[in-house]
Amino acid sequence: MNGMINSKVGNNERGLLPYPIILAANKGEPEAMDVVVQHYGSYMTSLSMRKLCDEDGNSYWGIDEDTRDRLHSKLMQAVLVFKI
């Protein structure tokens, strides 16, 4: 299955996931779900950016890992229950 998934991802000029990948992820295929999560990974990371403070009280922009983990889980749940 892994070879099939790698060959179907390709370079889509519109940045869309191929339908067979979505269908396989919807059916619970772990490799396909990984492709979907990787596809949306940078978007989830950008949504997870927060102003954080270090131990000295200095503020900086960083990734809120809890938010990113929740987004990751919600994406996987949404893919599995999506009606095709």
Protein backbone atom coordinates (compact mmCIF):
# COMPACT_ATOMS: atom_id res chain seq x y z
CA MET A 1 0.00 0.00 0.00
CA ASN A 2 2.83 2.42 0.83
CA GLY A 3 4.14 2.40 -2.74
CA MET A 4 0.66 3.05 -4.08
CA ILE A 5 0.21 6.02 -1.73
CA ASN A 6 3.58 7.52 -2.63
CA SER A 7 2.82 7.20 -6.33
CA LYS A 8 -0.61 8.80 -5.97
CA VAL A 9 0.48 11.85 -3.94
CA GLY A 10 2.56 13.37 -6.72
CA ASN A 11 2.72 17.12 -7.33
CA ASN A 12 -0.78 18.42 -7.69
CA GLU A 13 -0.58 21.94 -9.14
CA ARG A 14 -3.57 23.06 -7.06
CA GLY A 15 -2.24 21.59 -3.81
CA LEU A 16 -5.15 19.18 -3.42
CA LEU A 17 -4.96 15.69 -2.01
CA PRO A 18 -5.81 12.99 -4.56
CA TYR A 19 -9.22 11.38 -4.08
CA PRO A 20 -7.78 7.85 -3.58
CA ILE A 21 -5.73 9.16 -0.63
CA ILE A 22 -8.79 10.75 0.95
CA LEU A 23 -10.82 7.59 0.40
CA ALA A 24 -8.10 5.37 1.92
CA ALA A 25 -7.71 7.69 4.93
CA ASN A 26 -11.48 7.69 5.40
CA LYS A 27 -11.36 3.89 5.54
CA GLY A 28 -8.67 4.03 8.24
CA GLU A 29 -5.51 3.27 6.24
CA PRO A 30 -2.64 4.50 8.47
CA GLU A 31 -0.32 5.44 5.58
CA ALA A 32 -3.04 7.48 3.89
CA MET A 33 -3.91 9.20 7.16
CA ASP A 34 -0.22 10.11 7.56
CA VAL A 35 -0.29 11.71 4.10
CA VAL A 36 -3.36 13.76 5.04
CA VAL A 37 -1.83 14.87 8.35
CA GLN A 38 1.45 15.80 6.64
CA HIS A 39 -0.47 17.73 3.97
CA TYR A 40 -2.12 19.90 6.61
CA GLY A 41 0.82 19.90 9.05
CA SER A 42 2.19 23.35 8.29
CA TYR A 43 -1.32 24.85 8.39
CA MET A 44 -1.98 23.29 11.80
CA THR A 45 1.39 24.58 13.02
CA SER A 46 0.59 28.12 11.88
CA LEU A 47 -2.78 27.93 13.67
CA SER A 48 -0.93 26.81 16.81
CA MET A 49 1.35 29.84 17.04
CA ARG A 50 0.92 31.71 20.33
CA LYS A 51 2.73 34.35 22.31
CA LEU A 52 4.52 32.35 25.02
CA CYS A 53 6.72 33.25 28.00
CA ASP A 54 9.97 31.60 29.04
CA GLU A 55 11.06 30.99 32.64
CA ASP A 56 12.59 34.50 32.82
CA GLY A 57 9.32 36.16 31.80
CA ASN A 58 10.44 37.00 28.25
CA SER A 59 7.70 36.67 25.67
CA TYR A 60 8.21 35.08 22.28
CA TRP A 61 6.15 33.51 19.51
CA GLY A 62 6.13 29.73 19.56
CA ILE A 63 4.07 26.65 18.88
CA ASP A 64 1.47 25.72 21.47
CA GLU A 65 1.93 21.93 21.40
CA ASP A 66 -1.44 21.28 23.08
CA THR A 67 -3.27 23.26 20.40
CA ARG A 68 -1.36 21.51 17.62
CA ASP A 69 -2.11 18.09 19.15
CA ARG A 70 -5.82 18.94 19.41
CA LEU A 71 -5.91 20.11 15.80
CA HIS A 72 -4.14 16.90 14.75
CA SER A 73 -6.73 14.78 16.60
CA LYS A 74 -9.68 16.77 15.24
CA LEU A 75 -8.39 16.39 11.68
CA MET A 76 -8.07 12.63 12.04
CA GLN A 77 -11.55 12.37 13.56
CA ALA A 78 -13.03 14.50 10.79
CA VAL A 79 -11.41 12.38 8.06
CA LEU A 80 -12.73 9.16 9.59
CA VAL A 81 -16.35 10.37 9.88
CA PHE A 82 -16.44 12.27 6.58
CA LYS A 83 -19.30 10.99 4.40
CA ILE A 84 -18.03 10.03 0.94
